[in-house]
Full PDB file with SEQRES, HELIX, SHEET, SSBOND, CRYST1, ORIGX, SCALE, CONECT and MASTER records, all heavy atoms in Angstrom:
SEQRES   1 A   35  LEU LEU LEU THR PHE ASN VAL PHE ILE ASP ILE GLY PRO          
SEQRES   2 A   35  ILE LEU ALA GLY ALA GLY ILE LEU GLY LEU ALA VAL SER          
SEQRES   3 A   35  PHE GLY ALA GLN SER LEU VAL LYS ASP                          
HELIX    1 AA1 LEU A    2  PHE A    8  1                                   7    
HELIX    2 AA2 GLY A   12  GLY A   28  1                                  17    
HELIX    3 AA3 GLN A   30  LYS A   34  1                                   5    
CRYST1    1.000    1.000    1.000  90.00  90.00  90.00 P 1           1          
ORIGX1      1.000000  0.000000  0.000000        0.00000                         
ORIGX2      0.000000  1.000000  0.000000        0.00000                         
ORIGX3      0.000000  0.000000  1.000000        0.00000                         
SCALE1      1.000000  0.000000  0.000000        0.00000                         
SCALE2      0.000000  1.000000  0.000000        0.00000                         
SCALE3      0.000000  0.000000  1.000000        0.00000                         
ATOM      1  N   LEU A   1      83.175  86.073  74.213  1.00  0.00           N  
ATOM      2  CA  LEU A   1      82.736  87.427  74.609  1.00  0.00           C  
ATOM      3  C   LEU A   1      83.824  88.486  74.327  1.00  0.00           C  
ATOM      4  O   LEU A   1      83.494  89.565  73.844  1.00  0.00           O  
ATOM      5  CB  LEU A   1      82.369  87.398  76.103  1.00  0.00           C  
ATOM      6  CG  LEU A   1      81.059  86.736  76.445  1.00  0.00           C  
ATOM      7  CD1 LEU A   1      80.910  86.659  77.982  1.00  0.00           C  
ATOM      8  CD2 LEU A   1      79.879  87.464  75.854  1.00  0.00           C  
ATOM      9  N   LEU A   2      85.073  88.149  74.611  1.00  0.00           N  
ATOM     10  CA  LEU A   2      86.162  89.074  74.372  1.00  0.00           C  
ATOM     11  C   LEU A   2      86.277  89.394  72.874  1.00  0.00           C  
ATOM     12  O   LEU A   2      86.449  90.563  72.455  1.00  0.00           O  
ATOM     13  CB  LEU A   2      87.480  88.537  74.896  1.00  0.00           C  
ATOM     14  CG  LEU A   2      87.627  88.482  76.419  1.00  0.00           C  
ATOM     15  CD1 LEU A   2      88.897  87.810  76.844  1.00  0.00           C  
ATOM     16  CD2 LEU A   2      87.589  89.917  77.021  1.00  0.00           C  
ATOM     17  N   LEU A   3      86.180  88.342  72.061  1.00  0.00           N  
ATOM     18  CA  LEU A   3      86.295  88.577  70.584  1.00  0.00           C  
ATOM     19  C   LEU A   3      85.070  89.345  70.098  1.00  0.00           C  
ATOM     20  O   LEU A   3      85.238  90.154  69.134  1.00  0.00           O  
ATOM     21  CB  LEU A   3      86.392  87.222  69.875  1.00  0.00           C  
ATOM     22  CG  LEU A   3      87.697  86.441  70.117  1.00  0.00           C  
ATOM     23  CD1 LEU A   3      87.652  85.059  69.403  1.00  0.00           C  
ATOM     24  CD2 LEU A   3      88.906  87.237  69.649  1.00  0.00           C  
ATOM     25  N   THR A   4      83.933  89.183  70.678  1.00  0.00           N  
ATOM     26  CA  THR A   4      82.761  89.929  70.292  1.00  0.00           C  
ATOM     27  C   THR A   4      82.949  91.416  70.605  1.00  0.00           C  
ATOM     28  O   THR A   4      82.650  92.312  69.775  1.00  0.00           O  
ATOM     29  CB  THR A   4      81.511  89.412  70.995  1.00  0.00           C  
ATOM     30  OG1 THR A   4      81.318  88.023  70.661  1.00  0.00           O  
ATOM     31  CG2 THR A   4      80.269  90.193  70.578  1.00  0.00           C  
ATOM     32  N   PHE A   5      83.432  91.704  71.791  1.00  0.00           N  
ATOM     33  CA  PHE A   5      83.718  93.094  72.163  1.00  0.00           C  
ATOM     34  C   PHE A   5      84.770  93.689  71.231  1.00  0.00           C  
ATOM     35  O   PHE A   5      84.716  94.930  70.901  1.00  0.00           O  
ATOM     36  CB  PHE A   5      84.172  93.220  73.613  1.00  0.00           C  
ATOM     37  CG  PHE A   5      83.074  92.929  74.620  1.00  0.00           C  
ATOM     38  CD1 PHE A   5      83.365  92.263  75.792  1.00  0.00           C  
ATOM     39  CD2 PHE A   5      81.779  93.278  74.373  1.00  0.00           C  
ATOM     40  CE1 PHE A   5      82.384  91.997  76.703  1.00  0.00           C  
ATOM     41  CE2 PHE A   5      80.782  93.025  75.257  1.00  0.00           C  
ATOM     42  CZ  PHE A   5      81.041  92.356  76.427  1.00  0.00           C  
ATOM     43  N   ASN A   6      85.722  92.875  70.845  1.00  0.00           N  
ATOM     44  CA  ASN A   6      86.838  93.386  70.007  1.00  0.00           C  
ATOM     45  C   ASN A   6      86.339  93.799  68.640  1.00  0.00           C  
ATOM     46  O   ASN A   6      87.014  94.511  67.900  1.00  0.00           O  
ATOM     47  CB  ASN A   6      87.899  92.297  69.859  1.00  0.00           C  
ATOM     48  CG  ASN A   6      89.209  92.838  69.302  1.00  0.00           C  
ATOM     49  OD1 ASN A   6      89.699  93.889  69.747  1.00  0.00           O  
ATOM     50  ND2 ASN A   6      89.721  92.154  68.291  1.00  0.00           N  
ATOM     51  N   VAL A   7      85.150  93.308  68.223  1.00  0.00           N  
ATOM     52  CA  VAL A   7      84.597  93.695  66.914  1.00  0.00           C  
ATOM     53  C   VAL A   7      84.290  95.200  66.930  1.00  0.00           C  
ATOM     54  O   VAL A   7      84.434  95.900  65.928  1.00  0.00           O  
ATOM     55  CB  VAL A   7      83.370  92.872  66.616  1.00  0.00           C  
ATOM     56  CG1 VAL A   7      82.616  93.407  65.418  1.00  0.00           C  
ATOM     57  CG2 VAL A   7      83.727  91.415  66.408  1.00  0.00           C  
ATOM     58  N   PHE A   8      83.872  95.740  68.074  1.00  0.00           N  
ATOM     59  CA  PHE A   8      83.452  97.124  68.155  1.00  0.00           C  
ATOM     60  C   PHE A   8      84.485  98.034  68.760  1.00  0.00           C  
ATOM     61  O   PHE A   8      84.580  99.191  68.382  1.00  0.00           O  
ATOM     62  CB  PHE A   8      82.151  97.197  68.996  1.00  0.00           C  
ATOM     63  CG  PHE A   8      81.007  96.403  68.432  1.00  0.00           C  
ATOM     64  CD1 PHE A   8      80.705  95.180  68.971  1.00  0.00           C  
ATOM     65  CD2 PHE A   8      80.272  96.879  67.357  1.00  0.00           C  
ATOM     66  CE1 PHE A   8      79.654  94.431  68.482  1.00  0.00           C  
ATOM     67  CE2 PHE A   8      79.214  96.141  66.860  1.00  0.00           C  
ATOM     68  CZ  PHE A   8      78.920  94.898  67.376  1.00  0.00           C  
ATOM     69  N   ILE A   9      85.258  97.526  69.759  1.00  0.00           N  
ATOM     70  CA  ILE A   9      86.258  98.356  70.423  1.00  0.00           C  
ATOM     71  C   ILE A   9      87.566  97.573  70.586  1.00  0.00           C  
ATOM     72  O   ILE A   9      87.553  96.352  70.492  1.00  0.00           O  
ATOM     73  CB  ILE A   9      85.772  98.809  71.839  1.00  0.00           C  
ATOM     74  CG1 ILE A   9      85.480  97.573  72.685  1.00  0.00           C  
ATOM     75  CG2 ILE A   9      84.584  99.718  71.716  1.00  0.00           C  
ATOM     76  CD1 ILE A   9      85.036  97.924  74.074  1.00  0.00           C  
ATOM     77  N   ASP A  10      88.661  98.308  70.770  1.00  0.00           N  
ATOM     78  CA  ASP A  10      89.946  97.686  70.997  1.00  0.00           C  
ATOM     79  C   ASP A  10      90.025  97.248  72.446  1.00  0.00           C  
ATOM     80  O   ASP A  10      89.957  98.051  73.356  1.00  0.00           O  
ATOM     81  CB  ASP A  10      91.062  98.682  70.695  1.00  0.00           C  
ATOM     82  CG  ASP A  10      92.449  98.057  70.852  1.00  0.00           C  
ATOM     83  OD1 ASP A  10      92.523  96.801  70.919  1.00  0.00           O  
ATOM     84  OD2 ASP A  10      93.441  98.774  70.828  1.00  0.00           O  
ATOM     85  N   ILE A  11      90.135  95.915  72.625  1.00  0.00           N  
ATOM     86  CA  ILE A  11      90.088  95.378  74.013  1.00  0.00           C  
ATOM     87  C   ILE A  11      91.481  95.293  74.650  1.00  0.00           C  
ATOM     88  O   ILE A  11      91.609  94.863  75.797  1.00  0.00           O  
ATOM     89  CB  ILE A  11      89.469  93.942  74.011  1.00  0.00           C  
ATOM     90  CG1 ILE A  11      90.332  92.990  73.228  1.00  0.00           C  
ATOM     91  CG2 ILE A  11      88.059  93.998  73.517  1.00  0.00           C  
ATOM     92  CD1 ILE A  11      89.839  91.525  73.329  1.00  0.00           C  
ATOM     93  N   GLY A  12      92.535  95.719  73.931  1.00  0.00           N  
ATOM     94  CA  GLY A  12      93.883  95.714  74.464  1.00  0.00           C  
ATOM     95  C   GLY A  12      93.998  96.481  75.757  1.00  0.00           C  
ATOM     96  O   GLY A  12      94.441  95.958  76.784  1.00  0.00           O  
ATOM     97  N   PRO A  13      93.625  97.786  75.757  1.00  0.00           N  
ATOM     98  CA  PRO A  13      93.681  98.552  77.010  1.00  0.00           C  
ATOM     99  C   PRO A  13      92.797  97.991  78.104  1.00  0.00           C  
ATOM    100  O   PRO A  13      93.148  98.031  79.272  1.00  0.00           O  
ATOM    101  CB  PRO A  13      93.200  99.966  76.574  1.00  0.00           C  
ATOM    102  CG  PRO A  13      93.481 100.041  75.116  1.00  0.00           C  
ATOM    103  CD  PRO A  13      93.243  98.621  74.622  1.00  0.00           C  
ATOM    104  N   ILE A  14      91.654  97.426  77.699  1.00  0.00           N  
ATOM    105  CA  ILE A  14      90.773  96.866  78.685  1.00  0.00           C  
ATOM    106  C   ILE A  14      91.380  95.657  79.371  1.00  0.00           C  
ATOM    107  O   ILE A  14      91.330  95.440  80.611  1.00  0.00           O  
ATOM    108  CB  ILE A  14      89.420  96.418  78.070  1.00  0.00           C  
ATOM    109  CG1 ILE A  14      88.690  97.658  77.534  1.00  0.00           C  
ATOM    110  CG2 ILE A  14      88.538  95.674  79.045  1.00  0.00           C  
ATOM    111  CD1 ILE A  14      87.401  97.365  76.800  1.00  0.00           C  
ATOM    112  N   LEU A  15      92.067  94.803  78.554  1.00  0.00           N  
ATOM    113  CA  LEU A  15      92.747  93.622  79.139  1.00  0.00           C  
ATOM    114  C   LEU A  15      93.898  94.041  80.082  1.00  0.00           C  
ATOM    115  O   LEU A  15      94.089  93.450  81.134  1.00  0.00           O  
ATOM    116  CB  LEU A  15      93.305  92.741  78.057  1.00  0.00           C  
ATOM    117  CG  LEU A  15      92.239  92.025  77.176  1.00  0.00           C  
ATOM    118  CD1 LEU A  15      92.936  91.214  76.065  1.00  0.00           C  
ATOM    119  CD2 LEU A  15      91.402  91.111  78.031  1.00  0.00           C  
ATOM    120  N   ALA A  16      94.602  95.092  79.712  1.00  0.00           N  
ATOM    121  CA  ALA A  16      95.663  95.564  80.571  1.00  0.00           C  
ATOM    122  C   ALA A  16      95.112  96.098  81.887  1.00  0.00           C  
ATOM    123  O   ALA A  16      95.619  95.793  82.985  1.00  0.00           O  
ATOM    124  CB  ALA A  16      96.466  96.653  79.882  1.00  0.00           C  
ATOM    125  N   GLY A  17      94.018  96.888  81.766  1.00  0.00           N  
ATOM    126  CA  GLY A  17      93.382  97.364  83.000  1.00  0.00           C  
ATOM    127  C   GLY A  17      92.810  96.217  83.824  1.00  0.00           C  
ATOM    128  O   GLY A  17      92.847  96.283  85.066  1.00  0.00           O  
ATOM    129  N   ALA A  18      92.261  95.227  83.171  1.00  0.00           N  
ATOM    130  CA  ALA A  18      91.668  94.080  83.918  1.00  0.00           C  
ATOM    131  C   ALA A  18      92.757  93.299  84.642  1.00  0.00           C  
ATOM    132  O   ALA A  18      92.526  92.799  85.727  1.00  0.00           O  
ATOM    133  CB  ALA A  18      90.961  93.152  82.911  1.00  0.00           C  
ATOM    134  N   GLY A  19      93.982  93.227  84.052  1.00  0.00           N  
ATOM    135  CA  GLY A  19      95.064  92.581  84.756  1.00  0.00           C  
ATOM    136  C   GLY A  19      95.447  93.268  86.024  1.00  0.00           C  
ATOM    137  O   GLY A  19      95.618  92.645  87.057  1.00  0.00           O  
ATOM    138  N   ILE A  20      95.497  94.605  85.961  1.00  0.00           N  
ATOM    139  CA  ILE A  20      95.812  95.386  87.161  1.00  0.00           C  
ATOM    140  C   ILE A  20      94.693  95.259  88.176  1.00  0.00           C  
ATOM    141  O   ILE A  20      94.909  95.064  89.374  1.00  0.00           O  
ATOM    142  CB  ILE A  20      96.045  96.860  86.809  1.00  0.00           C  
ATOM    143  CG1 ILE A  20      97.271  96.967  85.846  1.00  0.00           C  
ATOM    144  CG2 ILE A  20      96.295  97.702  88.067  1.00  0.00           C  
ATOM    145  CD1 ILE A  20      97.510  98.354  85.326  1.00  0.00           C  
ATOM    146  N   LEU A  21      93.433  95.330  87.676  1.00  0.00           N  
ATOM    147  CA  LEU A  21      92.313  95.207  88.584  1.00  0.00           C  
ATOM    148  C   LEU A  21      92.268  93.807  89.218  1.00  0.00           C  
ATOM    149  O   LEU A  21      91.975  93.663  90.401  1.00  0.00           O  
ATOM    150  CB  LEU A  21      91.006  95.479  87.809  1.00  0.00           C  
ATOM    151  CG  LEU A  21      89.681  95.338  88.593  1.00  0.00           C  
ATOM    152  CD1 LEU A  21      89.656  96.372  89.729  1.00  0.00           C  
ATOM    153  CD2 LEU A  21      88.480  95.498  87.700  1.00  0.00           C  
ATOM    154  N   GLY A  22      92.590  92.791  88.422  1.00  0.00           N  
ATOM    155  CA  GLY A  22      92.616  91.441  88.947  1.00  0.00           C  
ATOM    156  C   GLY A  22      93.643  91.231  90.038  1.00  0.00           C  
ATOM    157  O   GLY A  22      93.444  90.538  91.024  1.00  0.00           O  
ATOM    158  N   LEU A  23      94.819  91.897  89.841  1.00  0.00           N  
ATOM    159  CA  LEU A  23      95.837  91.821  90.871  1.00  0.00           C  
ATOM    160  C   LEU A  23      95.361  92.478  92.162  1.00  0.00           C  
ATOM    161  O   LEU A  23      95.617  91.976  93.267  1.00  0.00           O  
ATOM    162  CB  LEU A  23      97.106  92.517  90.369  1.00  0.00           C  
ATOM    163  CG  LEU A  23      98.313  92.509  91.324  1.00  0.00           C  
ATOM    164  CD1 LEU A  23      98.766  91.053  91.559  1.00  0.00           C  
ATOM    165  CD2 LEU A  23      99.475  93.345  90.751  1.00  0.00           C  
ATOM    166  N   ALA A  24      94.676  93.619  92.026  1.00  0.00           N  
ATOM    167  CA  ALA A  24      94.148  94.296  93.234  1.00  0.00           C  
ATOM    168  C   ALA A  24      93.058  93.445  93.906  1.00  0.00           C  
ATOM    169  O   ALA A  24      93.019  93.348  95.134  1.00  0.00           O  
ATOM    170  CB  ALA A  24      93.602  95.654  92.834  1.00  0.00           C  
ATOM    171  N   VAL A  25      92.203  92.849  93.079  1.00  0.00           N  
ATOM    172  CA  VAL A  25      91.120  92.044  93.625  1.00  0.00           C  
ATOM    173  C   VAL A  25      91.688  90.798  94.354  1.00  0.00           C  
ATOM    174  O   VAL A  25      91.115  90.326  95.365  1.00  0.00           O  
ATOM    175  CB  VAL A  25      90.105  91.671  92.524  1.00  0.00           C  
ATOM    176  CG1 VAL A  25      89.086  90.648  93.045  1.00  0.00           C  
ATOM    177  CG2 VAL A  25      89.383  92.911  92.049  1.00  0.00           C  
ATOM    178  N   SER A  26      92.740  90.252  93.803  1.00  0.00           N  
ATOM    179  CA  SER A  26      93.269  88.998  94.367  1.00  0.00           C  
ATOM    180  C   SER A  26      93.744  89.184  95.806  1.00  0.00           C  
ATOM    181  O   SER A  26      93.625  88.257  96.582  1.00  0.00           O  
ATOM    182  CB  SER A  26      94.465  88.516  93.506  1.00  0.00           C  
ATOM    183  OG  SER A  26      95.552  89.438  93.549  1.00  0.00           O  
ATOM    184  N   PHE A  27      94.223  90.398  96.170  1.00  0.00           N  
ATOM    185  CA  PHE A  27      94.604  90.604  97.554  1.00  0.00           C  
ATOM    186  C   PHE A  27      93.385  90.640  98.466  1.00  0.00           C  
ATOM    187  O   PHE A  27      93.513  90.272  99.627  1.00  0.00           O  
ATOM    188  CB  PHE A  27      95.316  91.983  97.628  1.00  0.00           C  
ATOM    189  CG  PHE A  27      96.696  91.929  97.066  1.00  0.00           C  
ATOM    190  CD1 PHE A  27      96.968  92.541  95.868  1.00  0.00           C  
ATOM    191  CD2 PHE A  27      97.733  91.297  97.755  1.00  0.00           C  
ATOM    192  CE1 PHE A  27      98.259  92.522  95.331  1.00  0.00           C  
ATOM    193  CE2 PHE A  27      99.015  91.290  97.227  1.00  0.00           C  
ATOM    194  CZ  PHE A  27      99.287  91.884  96.004  1.00  0.00           C  
ATOM    195  N   GLY A  28      92.234  90.997  97.961  1.00  0.00           N  
ATOM    196  CA  GLY A  28      91.026  90.983  98.773  1.00  0.00           C  
ATOM    197  C   GLY A  28      90.231  89.690  98.656  1.00  0.00           C  
ATOM    198  O   GLY A  28      89.251  89.519  99.334  1.00  0.00           O  
ATOM    199  N   ALA A  29      90.686  88.791  97.806  1.00  0.00           N  
ATOM    200  CA  ALA A  29      89.946  87.496  97.636  1.00  0.00           C  
ATOM    201  C   ALA A  29      90.939  86.378  97.772  1.00  0.00           C  
ATOM    202  O   ALA A  29      90.982  85.495  96.920  1.00  0.00           O  
ATOM    203  CB  ALA A  29      89.264  87.465  96.272  1.00  0.00           C  
ATOM    204  N   GLN A  30      91.712  86.425  98.873  1.00  0.00           N  
ATOM    205  CA  GLN A  30      92.704  85.390  99.062  1.00  0.00           C  
ATOM    206  C   GLN A  30      92.114  83.998  99.244  1.00  0.00           C  
ATOM    207  O   GLN A  30      92.682  83.021  98.839  1.00  0.00           O  
ATOM    208  CB  GLN A  30      93.571  85.760 100.267  1.00  0.00           C  
ATOM    209  CG  GLN A  30      94.404  87.030 100.045  1.00  0.00           C  
ATOM    210  CD  GLN A  30      95.348  87.329 101.235  1.00  0.00           C  
ATOM    211  OE1 GLN A  30      95.562  86.449 102.049  1.00  0.00           O  
ATOM    212  NE2 GLN A  30      95.824  88.537 101.308  1.00  0.00           N  
ATOM    213  N   SER A  31      90.931  83.947  99.901  1.00  0.00           N  
ATOM    214  CA  SER A  31      90.293  82.664 100.129  1.00  0.00           C  
ATOM    215  C   SER A  31      89.882  82.008  98.809  1.00  0.00           C  
ATOM    216  O   SER A  31      89.999  80.782  98.648  1.00  0.00           O  
ATOM    217  CB  SER A  31      89.042  82.794 101.021  1.00  0.00           C  
ATOM    218  OG  SER A  31      88.110  83.660 100.406  1.00  0.00           O  
ATOM    219  N   LEU A  32      89.441  82.875  97.843  1.00  0.00           N  
ATOM    220  CA  LEU A  32      89.119  82.314  96.526  1.00  0.00           C  
ATOM    221  C   LEU A  32      90.311  81.760  95.804  1.00  0.00           C  
ATOM    222  O   LEU A  32      90.272  80.685  95.189  1.00  0.00           O  
ATOM    223  CB  LEU A  32      88.413  83.438  95.698  1.00  0.00           C  
ATOM    224  CG  LEU A  32      87.844  82.975  94.324  1.00  0.00           C  
ATOM    225  CD1 LEU A  32      86.759  81.950  94.541  1.00  0.00           C  
ATOM    226  CD2 LEU A  32      87.363  84.187  93.566  1.00  0.00           C  
ATOM    227  N   VAL A  33      91.428  82.470  95.929  1.00  0.00           N  
ATOM    228  CA  VAL A  33      92.662  82.013  95.306  1.00  0.00           C  
ATOM    229  C   VAL A  33      93.091  80.705  95.940  1.00  0.00           C  
ATOM    230  O   VAL A  33      93.534  79.762  95.289  1.00  0.00           O  
ATOM    231  CB  VAL A  33      93.767  83.072  95.457  1.00  0.00           C  
ATOM    232  CG1 VAL A  33      95.093  82.530  94.917  1.00  0.00           C  
ATOM    233  CG2 VAL A  33      93.367  84.328  94.697  1.00  0.00           C  
ATOM    234  N   LYS A  34      92.954  80.607  97.303  1.00  0.00           N  
ATOM    235  CA  LYS A  34      93.304  79.374  97.993  1.00  0.00           C  
ATOM    236  C   LYS A  34      92.429  78.211  97.532  1.00  0.00           C  
ATOM    237  O   LYS A  34      92.896  77.090  97.397  1.00  0.00           O  
ATOM    238  CB  LYS A  34      93.151  79.584  99.491  1.00  0.00           C  
ATOM    239  CG  LYS A  34      94.176  80.472 100.129  1.00  0.00           C  
ATOM    240  CD  LYS A  34      93.956  80.607 101.627  1.00  0.00           C  
ATOM    241  CE  LYS A  34      94.979  81.528 102.271  1.00  0.00           C  
ATOM    242  NZ  LYS A  34      94.730  81.666 103.720  1.00  0.00           N  
ATOM    243  N   ASP A  35      91.123  78.516  97.284  1.00  0.00           N  
ATOM    244  CA  ASP A  35      90.227  77.464  96.800  1.00  0.00           C  
ATOM    245  C   ASP A  35      90.732  76.891  95.491  1.00  0.00           C  
ATOM    246  O   ASP A  35      90.772  75.679  95.304  1.00  0.00           O  
ATOM    247  CB  ASP A  35      88.784  78.023  96.591  1.00  0.00           C  
ATOM    248  CG  ASP A  35      88.135  78.341  97.930  1.00  0.00           C  
ATOM    249  OD1 ASP A  35      88.521  77.735  98.928  1.00  0.00           O  
ATOM    250  OD2 ASP A  35      87.172  79.136  97.943  1.00  0.00           O  
TER     251      ASP A  35                                                      
MASTER        0    0    0    3    0    0    0    6  250    1    0    3          
END                                                                             
């Protein structure tokens, strides 16, 4: 899916934003991380 999106748009900024978003989500999903 990532490579497919990369055909049309540059996914570099999206991945960087997703990393920051994932860090924020991880604080609110601690039980999932524990799982």
